Amino acid sequence: MDPSDLRAELADRLAGAGPIDAETVNAACFMLSRAIQDIDFSVPEAAPLLRRVLRVAGRVVIDTGTRGANPDDWPNTQAMALEWLDEALRALGYEVRPVS
């Protein structure tokens, strides 16, 4: 997908009558994560956290929701998602850790 046509192509995909596939969800997460920069949040820390959450969601859906996704890849996807979330949360003074 050409980034310059992302909104138009994404709008066409979302307007279709069929189910929304993983690639479309990923593209929507990517587009929304980029659109965050144009929003004036009342709390500046919200934007980076939201950007990261959207990117994590996009990555998880691509790694697990595409045709032929291998369930054996889940441990790597999960570790990456937790690492990215941990990075975002550490900026707010929190950390991701296992429940004891």
PDB file of N, CA and C in Angstrom:
ATOM      1  N   MET A   1       0.853  -1.178   0.000  1.00  0.00           N
ATOM      2  CA  MET A   1       0.000   0.000   0.000  1.00  0.00           C
ATOM      3  C   MET A   1       0.892   1.232   0.000  1.00  0.00           C
ATOM      4  N   ASP A   2       0.674   2.114  -0.935  1.00  0.00           N
ATOM      5  CA  ASP A   2       1.417   3.368  -1.038  1.00  0.00           C
ATOM      6  C   ASP A   2       0.967   4.299   0.090  1.00  0.00           C
ATOM      7  N   PRO A   3       1.913   4.738   0.957  1.00  0.00           N
ATOM      8  CA  PRO A   3       1.516   5.598   2.075  1.00  0.00           C
ATOM      9  C   PRO A   3       0.774   6.861   1.662  1.00  0.00           C
ATOM     10  N   SER A   4       1.050   7.381   0.461  1.00  0.00           N
ATOM     11  CA  SER A   4       0.365   8.597   0.023  1.00  0.00           C
ATOM     12  C   SER A   4      -1.118   8.334  -0.259  1.00  0.00           C
ATOM     13  N   ASP A   5      -1.463   7.096  -0.546  1.00  0.00           N
ATOM     14  CA  ASP A   5      -2.851   6.726  -0.840  1.00  0.00           C
ATOM     15  C   ASP A   5      -3.502   5.976   0.314  1.00  0.00           C
ATOM     16  N   LEU A   6      -2.855   5.972   1.473  1.00  0.00           N
ATOM     17  CA  LEU A   6      -3.316   5.147   2.578  1.00  0.00           C
ATOM     18  C   LEU A   6      -4.748   5.457   2.980  1.00  0.00           C
ATOM     19  N   ARG A   7      -5.078   6.721   3.169  1.00  0.00           N
ATOM     20  CA  ARG A   7      -6.430   7.057   3.616  1.00  0.00           C
ATOM     21  C   ARG A   7      -7.481   6.637   2.602  1.00  0.00           C
ATOM     22  N   ALA A   8      -7.243   6.931   1.343  1.00  0.00           N
ATOM     23  CA  ALA A   8      -8.225   6.599   0.309  1.00  0.00           C
ATOM     24  C   ALA A   8      -8.386   5.088   0.178  1.00  0.00           C
ATOM     25  N   GLU A   9      -7.282   4.385   0.146  1.00  0.00           N
ATOM     26  CA  GLU A   9      -7.365   2.927   0.009  1.00  0.00           C
ATOM     27  C   GLU A   9      -7.999   2.305   1.241  1.00  0.00           C
ATOM     28  N   LEU A  10      -7.639   2.806   2.405  1.00  0.00           N
ATOM     29  CA  LEU A  10      -8.217   2.290   3.638  1.00  0.00           C
ATOM     30  C   LEU A  10      -9.721   2.567   3.689  1.00  0.00           C
ATOM     31  N   ALA A  11     -10.125   3.750   3.276  1.00  0.00           N
ATOM     32  CA  ALA A  11     -11.552   4.083   3.245  1.00  0.00           C
ATOM     33  C   ALA A  11     -12.304   3.130   2.316  1.00  0.00           C
ATOM     34  N   ASP A  12     -11.711   2.817   1.173  1.00  0.00           N
ATOM     35  CA  ASP A  12     -12.345   1.879   0.248  1.00  0.00           C
ATOM     36  C   ASP A  12     -12.475   0.496   0.880  1.00  0.00           C
ATOM     37  N   ARG A  13     -11.417   0.048   1.543  1.00  0.00           N
ATOM     38  CA  ARG A  13     -11.462  -1.268   2.191  1.00  0.00           C
ATOM     39  C   ARG A  13     -12.517  -1.321   3.291  1.00  0.00           C
ATOM     40  N   LEU A  14     -12.583  -0.270   4.090  1.00  0.00           N
ATOM     41  CA  LEU A  14     -13.523  -0.244   5.203  1.00  0.00           C
ATOM     42  C   LEU A  14     -14.965  -0.107   4.728  1.00  0.00           C
ATOM     43  N   ALA A  15     -15.164   0.495   3.557  1.00  0.00           N
ATOM     44  CA  ALA A  15     -16.505   0.691   3.028  1.00  0.00           C
ATOM     45  C   ALA A  15     -17.073  -0.582   2.406  1.00  0.00           C
ATOM     46  N   GLY A  16     -16.232  -1.561   2.159  1.00  0.00           N
ATOM     47  CA  GLY A  16     -16.700  -2.798   1.552  1.00  0.00           C
ATOM     48  C   GLY A  16     -17.652  -3.553   2.461  1.00  0.00           C
ATOM     49  N   ALA A  17     -18.424  -4.424   1.858  1.00  0.00           N
ATOM     50  CA  ALA A  17     -19.432  -5.173   2.608  1.00  0.00           C
ATOM     51  C   ALA A  17     -18.849  -6.399   3.303  1.00  0.00           C
ATOM     52  N   GLY A  18     -17.700  -6.844   2.857  1.00  0.00           N
ATOM     53  CA  GLY A  18     -17.125  -8.064   3.412  1.00  0.00           C
ATOM     54  C   GLY A  18     -16.442  -7.845   4.750  1.00  0.00           C
ATOM     55  N   PRO A  19     -15.949  -8.924   5.330  1.00  0.00           N
ATOM     56  CA  PRO A  19     -15.238  -8.806   6.601  1.00  0.00           C
ATOM     57  C   PRO A  19     -13.940  -8.014   6.431  1.00  0.00           C
ATOM     58  N   ILE A  20     -13.525  -7.380   7.489  1.00  0.00           N
ATOM     59  CA  ILE A  20     -12.287  -6.609   7.475  1.00  0.00           C
ATOM     60  C   ILE A  20     -11.146  -7.559   7.816  1.00  0.00           C
ATOM     61  N   ASP A  21     -10.141  -7.605   6.953  1.00  0.00           N
ATOM     62  CA  ASP A  21      -9.040  -8.541   7.170  1.00  0.00           C
ATOM     63  C   ASP A  21      -7.923  -7.922   8.014  1.00  0.00           C
ATOM     64  N   ALA A  22      -6.967  -8.759   8.377  1.00  0.00           N
ATOM     65  CA  ALA A  22      -5.877  -8.334   9.255  1.00  0.00           C
ATOM     66  C   ALA A  22      -5.055  -7.206   8.637  1.00  0.00           C
ATOM     67  N   GLU A  23      -4.825  -7.263   7.343  1.00  0.00           N
ATOM     68  CA  GLU A  23      -4.045  -6.216   6.696  1.00  0.00           C
ATOM     69  C   GLU A  23      -4.742  -4.862   6.794  1.00  0.00           C
ATOM     70  N   THR A  24      -6.060  -4.864   6.681  1.00  0.00           N
ATOM     71  CA  THR A  24      -6.813  -3.616   6.786  1.00  0.00           C
ATOM     72  C   THR A  24      -6.774  -3.078   8.212  1.00  0.00           C
ATOM     73  N   VAL A  25      -6.922  -3.960   9.185  1.00  0.00           N
ATOM     74  CA  VAL A  25      -6.829  -3.524  10.580  1.00  0.00           C
ATOM     75  C   VAL A  25      -5.447  -2.950  10.851  1.00  0.00           C
ATOM     76  N   ASN A  26      -4.408  -3.611  10.362  1.00  0.00           N
ATOM     77  CA  ASN A  26      -3.044  -3.116  10.540  1.00  0.00           C
ATOM     78  C   ASN A  26      -2.874  -1.742   9.894  1.00  0.00           C
ATOM     79  N   ALA A  27      -3.388  -1.582   8.680  1.00  0.00           N
ATOM     80  CA  ALA A  27      -3.288  -0.294   7.991  1.00  0.00           C
ATOM     81  C   ALA A  27      -4.026   0.795   8.765  1.00  0.00           C
ATOM     82  N   ALA A  28      -5.176   0.452   9.329  1.00  0.00           N
ATOM     83  CA  ALA A  28      -5.936   1.431  10.115  1.00  0.00           C
ATOM     84  C   ALA A  28      -5.145   1.826  11.360  1.00  0.00           C
ATOM     85  N   CYS A  29      -4.551   0.859  12.029  1.00  0.00           N
ATOM     86  CA  CYS A  29      -3.736   1.166  13.213  1.00  0.00           C
ATOM     87  C   CYS A  29      -2.559   2.066  12.837  1.00  0.00           C
ATOM     88  N   PHE A  30      -1.912   1.761  11.720  1.00  0.00           N
ATOM     89  CA  PHE A  30      -0.779   2.567  11.260  1.00  0.00           C
ATOM     90  C   PHE A  30      -1.223   3.995  10.953  1.00  0.00           C
ATOM     91  N   MET A  31      -2.311   4.124  10.199  1.00  0.00           N
ATOM     92  CA  MET A  31      -2.797   5.454   9.836  1.00  0.00           C
ATOM     93  C   MET A  31      -3.192   6.245  11.083  1.00  0.00           C
ATOM     94  N   LEU A  32      -3.891   5.614  11.990  1.00  0.00           N
ATOM     95  CA  LEU A  32      -4.303   6.298  13.214  1.00  0.00           C
ATOM     96  C   LEU A  32      -3.103   6.676  14.071  1.00  0.00           C
ATOM     97  N   SER A  33      -2.095   5.810  14.127  1.00  0.00           N
ATOM     98  CA  SER A  33      -0.906   6.137  14.925  1.00  0.00           C
ATOM     99  C   SER A  33      -0.179   7.350  14.367  1.00  0.00           C
ATOM    100  N   ARG A  34      -0.229   7.529  13.059  1.00  0.00           N
ATOM    101  CA  ARG A  34       0.380   8.715  12.449  1.00  0.00           C
ATOM    102  C   ARG A  34      -0.485   9.950  12.641  1.00  0.00           C
ATOM    103  N   ALA A  35      -1.812   9.766  12.666  1.00  0.00           N
ATOM    104  CA  ALA A  35      -2.732  10.894  12.820  1.00  0.00           C
ATOM    105  C   ALA A  35      -2.668  11.490  14.224  1.00  0.00           C
ATOM    106  N   ILE A  36      -2.182  10.732  15.170  1.00  0.00           N
ATOM    107  CA  ILE A  36      -2.096  11.190  16.560  1.00  0.00           C
ATOM    108  C   ILE A  36      -1.292  12.490  16.663  1.00  0.00           C
ATOM    109  N   GLN A  37      -0.283  12.638  15.811  1.00  0.00           N
ATOM    110  CA  GLN A  37       0.579  13.825  15.891  1.00  0.00           C
ATOM    111  C   GLN A  37      -0.185  15.119  15.631  1.00  0.00           C
ATOM    112  N   ASP A  38      -1.336  15.032  15.002  1.00  0.00           N
ATOM    113  CA  ASP A  38      -2.114  16.232  14.686  1.00  0.00           C
ATOM    114  C   ASP A  38      -3.160  16.573  15.738  1.00  0.00           C
ATOM    115  N   ILE A  39      -3.214  15.781  16.805  1.00  0.00           N
ATOM    116  CA  ILE A  39      -4.208  16.014  17.861  1.00  0.00           C
ATOM    117  C   ILE A  39      -3.529  16.725  19.026  1.00  0.00           C
ATOM    118  N   ASP A  40      -4.178  17.736  19.520  1.00  0.00           N
ATOM    119  CA  ASP A  40      -3.666  18.478  20.669  1.00  0.00           C
ATOM    120  C   ASP A  40      -4.258  17.872  21.944  1.00  0.00           C
ATOM    121  N   PHE A  41      -3.541  16.909  22.522  1.00  0.00           N
ATOM    122  CA  PHE A  41      -4.018  16.217  23.713  1.00  0.00           C
ATOM    123  C   PHE A  41      -3.883  17.109  24.942  1.00  0.00           C
ATOM    124  N   SER A  42      -4.820  16.991  25.868  1.00  0.00           N
ATOM    125  CA  SER A  42      -4.756  17.759  27.105  1.00  0.00           C
ATOM    126  C   SER A  42      -3.619  17.271  28.005  1.00  0.00           C
ATOM    127  N   VAL A  43      -3.190  16.038  27.801  1.00  0.00           N
ATOM    128  CA  VAL A  43      -2.065  15.454  28.536  1.00  0.00           C
ATOM    129  C   VAL A  43      -1.038  15.010  27.500  1.00  0.00           C
ATOM    130  N   PRO A  44       0.131  15.645  27.437  1.00  0.00           N
ATOM    131  CA  PRO A  44       1.112  15.326  26.393  1.00  0.00           C
ATOM    132  C   PRO A  44       1.558  13.866  26.381  1.00  0.00           C
ATOM    133  N   GLU A  45       1.554  13.215  27.529  1.00  0.00           N
ATOM    134  CA  GLU A  45       2.010  11.826  27.595  1.00  0.00           C
ATOM    135  C   GLU A  45       1.042  10.855  26.922  1.00  0.00           C
ATOM    136  N   ALA A  46      -0.160  11.308  26.652  1.00  0.00           N
ATOM    137  CA  ALA A  46      -1.162  10.428  26.044  1.00  0.00           C
ATOM    138  C   ALA A  46      -0.793  10.040  24.616  1.00  0.00           C
ATOM    139  N   ALA A  47      -0.267  10.970  23.856  1.00  0.00           N
ATOM    140  CA  ALA A  47       0.012  10.715  22.444  1.00  0.00           C
ATOM    141  C   ALA A  47       1.020   9.588  22.232  1.00  0.00           C
ATOM    142  N   PRO A  48       2.198   9.608  22.881  1.00  0.00           N
ATOM    143  CA  PRO A  48       3.129   8.508  22.651  1.00  0.00           C
ATOM    144  C   PRO A  48       2.588   7.153  23.119  1.00  0.00           C
ATOM    145  N   LEU A  49       1.838   7.162  24.211  1.00  0.00           N
ATOM    146  CA  LEU A  49       1.255   5.917  24.693  1.00  0.00           C
ATOM    147  C   LEU A  49       0.249   5.376  23.681  1.00  0.00           C
ATOM    148  N   LEU A  50      -0.609   6.225  23.192  1.00  0.00           N
ATOM    149  CA  LEU A  50      -1.605   5.801  22.219  1.00  0.00           C
ATOM    150  C   LEU A  50      -0.965   5.338  20.916  1.00  0.00           C
ATOM    151  N   ARG A  51       0.043   6.057  20.452  1.00  0.00           N
ATOM    152  CA  ARG A  51       0.757   5.640  19.238  1.00  0.00           C
ATOM    153  C   ARG A  51       1.308   4.231  19.405  1.00  0.00           C
ATOM    154  N   ARG A  52       1.932   3.980  20.545  1.00  0.00           N
ATOM    155  CA  ARG A  52       2.543   2.669  20.777  1.00  0.00           C
ATOM    156  C   ARG A  52       1.488   1.576  20.865  1.00  0.00           C
ATOM    157  N   VAL A  53       0.386   1.834  21.544  1.00  0.00           N
ATOM    158  CA  VAL A  53      -0.681   0.834  21.666  1.00  0.00           C
ATOM    159  C   VAL A  53      -1.244   0.483  20.285  1.00  0.00           C
ATOM    160  N   LEU A  54      -1.439   1.478  19.451  1.00  0.00           N
ATOM    161  CA  LEU A  54      -1.942   1.219  18.099  1.00  0.00           C
ATOM    162  C   LEU A  54      -0.949   0.406  17.281  1.00  0.00           C
ATOM    163  N   ARG A  55       0.324   0.707  17.419  1.00  0.00           N
ATOM    164  CA  ARG A  55       1.335  -0.051  16.673  1.00  0.00           C
ATOM    165  C   ARG A  55       1.433  -1.485  17.174  1.00  0.00           C
ATOM    166  N   VAL A  56       1.299  -1.676  18.477  1.00  0.00           N
ATOM    167  CA  VAL A  56       1.288  -3.030  19.028  1.00  0.00           C
ATOM    168  C   VAL A  56       0.082  -3.797  18.484  1.00  0.00           C
ATOM    169  N   ALA A  57      -1.079  -3.164  18.502  1.00  0.00           N
ATOM    170  CA  ALA A  57      -2.285  -3.824  17.999  1.00  0.00           C
ATOM    171  C   ALA A  57      -2.118  -4.221  16.534  1.00  0.00           C
ATOM    172  N   GLY A  58      -1.579  -3.324  15.735  1.00  0.00           N
ATOM    173  CA  GLY A  58      -1.357  -3.633  14.322  1.00  0.00           C
ATOM    174  C   GLY A  58      -0.413  -4.797  14.130  1.00  0.00           C
ATOM    175  N   ARG A  59       0.649  -4.821  14.912  1.00  0.00           N
ATOM    176  CA  ARG A  59       1.622  -5.898  14.779  1.00  0.00           C
ATOM    177  C   ARG A  59       1.042  -7.241  15.216  1.00  0.00           C
ATOM    178  N   VAL A  60       0.303  -7.242  16.312  1.00  0.00           N
ATOM    179  CA  VAL A  60      -0.292  -8.485  16.802  1.00  0.00           C
ATOM    180  C   VAL A  60      -1.290  -9.027  15.784  1.00  0.00           C
ATOM    181  N   VAL A  61      -2.110  -8.162  15.205  1.00  0.00           N
ATOM    182  CA  VAL A  61      -3.095  -8.637  14.236  1.00  0.00           C
ATOM    183  C   VAL A  61      -2.406  -9.184  12.981  1.00  0.00           C
ATOM    184  N   ILE A  62      -1.322  -8.587  12.556  1.00  0.00           N
ATOM    185  CA  ILE A  62      -0.597  -9.092  11.391  1.00  0.00           C
ATOM    186  C   ILE A  62       0.060 -10.440  11.694  1.00  0.00           C
ATOM    187  N   ASP A  63       0.681 -10.542  12.864  1.00  0.00           N
ATOM    188  CA  ASP A  63       1.382 -11.779  13.211  1.00  0.00           C
ATOM    189  C   ASP A  63       0.442 -12.942  13.513  1.00  0.00           C
ATOM    190  N   THR A  64      -0.788 -12.651  13.909  1.00  0.00           N
ATOM    191  CA  THR A  64      -1.677 -13.740  14.320  1.00  0.00           C
ATOM    192  C   THR A  64      -2.953 -13.842  13.506  1.00  0.00           C
ATOM    193  N   GLY A  65      -3.310 -12.796  12.776  1.00  0.00           N
ATOM    194  CA  GLY A  65      -4.598 -12.797  12.084  1.00  0.00           C
ATOM    195  C   GLY A  65      -4.544 -12.938  10.583  1.00  0.00           C
ATOM    196  N   THR A  66      -3.367 -13.093  10.030  1.00  0.00           N
ATOM    197  CA  THR A  66      -3.271 -13.242   8.575  1.00  0.00           C
ATOM    198  C   THR A  66      -3.359 -14.712   8.189  1.00  0.00           C
ATOM    199  N   ARG A  67      -3.750 -14.940   6.958  1.00  0.00           N
ATOM    200  CA  ARG A  67      -3.827 -16.308   6.441  1.00  0.00           C
ATOM    201  C   ARG A  67      -2.432 -16.936   6.541  1.00  0.00           C
ATOM    202  N   GLY A  68      -2.383 -18.101   7.099  1.00  0.00           N
ATOM    203  CA  GLY A  68      -1.118 -18.812   7.233  1.00  0.00           C
ATOM    204  C   GLY A  68      -0.299 -18.397   8.436  1.00  0.00           C
ATOM    205  N   ALA A  69      -0.859 -17.550   9.318  1.00  0.00           N
ATOM    206  CA  ALA A  69      -0.123 -17.162  10.520  1.00  0.00           C
ATOM    207  C   ALA A  69       0.210 -18.420  11.319  1.00  0.00           C
ATOM    208  N   ASN A  70       1.422 -18.479  11.784  1.00  0.00           N
ATOM    209  CA  ASN A  70       1.900 -19.659  12.494  1.00  0.00           C
ATOM    210  C   ASN A  70       1.756 -19.456  13.993  1.00  0.00           C
ATOM    211  N   PRO A  71       0.971 -20.281  14.669  1.00  0.00           N
ATOM    212  CA  PRO A  71       0.813 -20.131  16.115  1.00  0.00           C
ATOM    213  C   PRO A  71       2.129 -20.296  16.872  1.00  0.00           C
ATOM    214  N   ASP A  72       3.090 -20.953  16.260  1.00  0.00           N
ATOM    215  CA  ASP A  72       4.399 -21.116  16.905  1.00  0.00           C
ATOM    216  C   ASP A  72       5.138 -19.793  17.022  1.00  0.00           C
ATOM    217  N   ASP A  73       4.729 -18.787  16.264  1.00  0.00           N
ATOM    218  CA  ASP A  73       5.354 -17.465  16.324  1.00  0.00           C
ATOM    219  C   ASP A  73       4.825 -16.617  17.485  1.00  0.00           C
ATOM    220  N   TRP A  74       3.745 -17.080  18.137  1.00  0.00           N
ATOM    221  CA  TRP A  74       3.127 -16.296  19.196  1.00  0.00           C
ATOM    222  C   TRP A  74       4.092 -15.892  20.302  1.00  0.00           C
ATOM    223  N   PRO A  75       4.967 -16.766  20.801  1.00  0.00           N
ATOM    224  CA  PRO A  75       5.869 -16.321  21.867  1.00  0.00           C
ATOM    225  C   PRO A  75       6.707 -15.101  21.477  1.00  0.00           C
ATOM    226  N   ASN A  76       7.169 -15.059  20.234  1.00  0.00           N
ATOM    227  CA  ASN A  76       7.949 -13.905  19.775  1.00  0.00           C
ATOM    228  C   ASN A  76       7.075 -12.661  19.653  1.00  0.00           C
ATOM    229  N   THR A  77       5.876 -12.821  19.126  1.00  0.00           N
ATOM    230  CA  THR A  77       4.956 -11.695  18.999  1.00  0.00           C
ATOM    231  C   THR A  77       4.587 -11.163  20.373  1.00  0.00           C
ATOM    232  N   GLN A  78       4.286 -12.065  21.285  1.00  0.00           N
ATOM    233  CA  GLN A  78       3.924 -11.661  22.636  1.00  0.00           C
ATOM    234  C   GLN A  78       5.078 -10.930  23.320  1.00  0.00           C
ATOM    235  N   ALA A  79       6.286 -11.445  23.190  1.00  0.00           N
ATOM    236  CA  ALA A  79       7.456 -10.801  23.804  1.00  0.00           C
ATOM    237  C   ALA A  79       7.663  -9.408  23.223  1.00  0.00           C
ATOM    238  N   MET A  80       7.523  -9.278  21.905  1.00  0.00           N
ATOM    239  CA  MET A  80       7.686  -7.972  21.261  1.00  0.00           C
ATOM    240  C   MET A  80       6.618  -7.006  21.738  1.00  0.00           C
ATOM    241  N   ALA A  81       5.361  -7.457  21.810  1.00  0.00           N
ATOM    242  CA  ALA A  81       4.269  -6.587  22.247  1.00  0.00           C
ATOM    243  C   ALA A  81       4.504  -6.121  23.680  1.00  0.00           C
ATOM    244  N   LEU A  82       4.903  -7.023  24.538  1.00  0.00           N
ATOM    245  CA  LEU A  82       5.162  -6.656  25.931  1.00  0.00           C
ATOM    246  C   LEU A  82       6.342  -5.701  26.050  1.00  0.00           C
ATOM    247  N   GLU A  83       7.362  -5.915  25.227  1.00  0.00           N
ATOM    248  CA  GLU A  83       8.521  -5.013  25.244  1.00  0.00           C
ATOM    249  C   GLU A  83       8.127  -3.606  24.809  1.00  0.00           C
ATOM    250  N   TRP A  84       7.349  -3.505  23.730  1.00  0.00           N
ATOM    251  CA  TRP A  84       6.922  -2.191  23.246  1.00  0.00           C
ATOM    252  C   TRP A  84       6.021  -1.504  24.262  1.00  0.00           C
ATOM    253  N   LEU A  85       5.115  -2.267  24.863  1.00  0.00           N
ATOM    254  CA  LEU A  85       4.244  -1.679  25.886  1.00  0.00           C
ATOM    255  C   LEU A  85       5.047  -1.254  27.107  1.00  0.00           C
ATOM    256  N   ASP A  86       6.025  -2.051  27.487  1.00  0.00           N
ATOM    257  CA  ASP A  86       6.869  -1.705  28.622  1.00  0.00           C
ATOM    258  C   ASP A  86       7.605  -0.387  28.353  1.00  0.00           C
ATOM    259  N   GLU A  87       8.147  -0.233  27.157  1.00  0.00           N
ATOM    260  CA  GLU A  87       8.835   1.012  26.806  1.00  0.00           C
ATOM    261  C   GLU A  87       7.893   2.211  26.931  1.00  0.00           C
ATOM    262  N   ALA A  88       6.666   2.047  26.435  1.00  0.00           N
ATOM    263  CA  ALA A  88       5.696   3.144  26.506  1.00  0.00           C
ATOM    264  C   ALA A  88       5.307   3.445  27.949  1.00  0.00           C
ATOM    265  N   LEU A  89       5.121   2.413  28.745  1.00  0.00           N
ATOM    266  CA  LEU A  89       4.704   2.615  30.129  1.00  0.00           C
ATOM    267  C   LEU A  89       5.825   3.141  31.017  1.00  0.00           C
ATOM    268  N   ARG A  90       7.057   2.764  30.734  1.00  0.00           N
ATOM    269  CA  ARG A  90       8.180   3.266  31.535  1.00  0.00           C
ATOM    270  C   ARG A  90       8.278   4.784  31.454  1.00  0.00           C
ATOM    271  N   ALA A  91       7.910   5.341  30.314  1.00  0.00           N
ATOM    272  CA  ALA A  91       7.907   6.805  30.178  1.00  0.00           C
ATOM    273  C   ALA A  91       6.897   7.444  31.129  1.00  0.00           C
ATOM    274  N   LEU A  92       5.945   6.650  31.596  1.00  0.00           N
ATOM    275  CA  LEU A  92       4.922   7.141  32.525  1.00  0.00           C
ATOM    276  C   LEU A  92       5.192   6.678  33.962  1.00  0.00           C
ATOM    277  N   GLY A  93       6.309   5.992  34.148  1.00  0.00           N
ATOM    278  CA  GLY A  93       6.665   5.545  35.491  1.00  0.00           C
ATOM    279  C   GLY A  93       6.135   4.177  35.868  1.00  0.00           C
ATOM    280  N   TYR A  94       5.732   3.378  34.900  1.00  0.00           N
ATOM    281  CA  TYR A  94       5.212   2.036  35.151  1.00  0.00           C
ATOM    282  C   TYR A  94       6.058   1.027  34.395  1.00  0.00           C
ATOM    283  N   GLU A  95       5.841  -0.241  34.716  1.00  0.00           N
ATOM    284  CA  GLU A  95       6.530  -1.292  33.969  1.00  0.00           C
ATOM    285  C   GLU A  95       5.616  -2.497  33.795  1.00  0.00           C
ATOM    286  N   VAL A  96       5.884  -3.236  32.739  1.00  0.00           N
ATOM    287  CA  VAL A  96       5.167  -4.478  32.493  1.00  0.00           C
ATOM    288  C   VAL A  96       5.967  -5.582  33.152  1.00  0.00           C
ATOM    289  N   ARG A  97       5.299  -6.371  33.968  1.00  0.00           N
ATOM    290  CA  ARG A  97       5.965  -7.508  34.593  1.00  0.00           C
ATOM    291  C   ARG A  97       4.951  -8.619  34.816  1.00  0.00           C
ATOM    292  N   PRO A  98       5.440  -9.844  34.922  1.00  0.00           N
ATOM    293  CA  PRO A  98       4.515 -10.970  35.129  1.00  0.00           C
ATOM    294  C   PRO A  98       3.806 -10.859  36.475  1.00  0.00           C
ATOM    295  N   VAL A  99       2.611 -11.392  36.518  1.00  0.00           N
ATOM    296  CA  VAL A  99       1.859 -11.476  37.768  1.00  0.00           C
ATOM    297  C   VAL A  99       2.490 -12.596  38.593  1.00  0.00           C
ATOM    298  N   SER A 100       2.731 -12.317  39.860  1.00  0.00           N
ATOM    299  CA  SER A 100       3.360 -13.361  40.680  1.00  0.00           C
ATOM    300  C   SER A 100       2.335 -14.312  41.248  1.00  0.00           C
TER     301      SER A 100
END
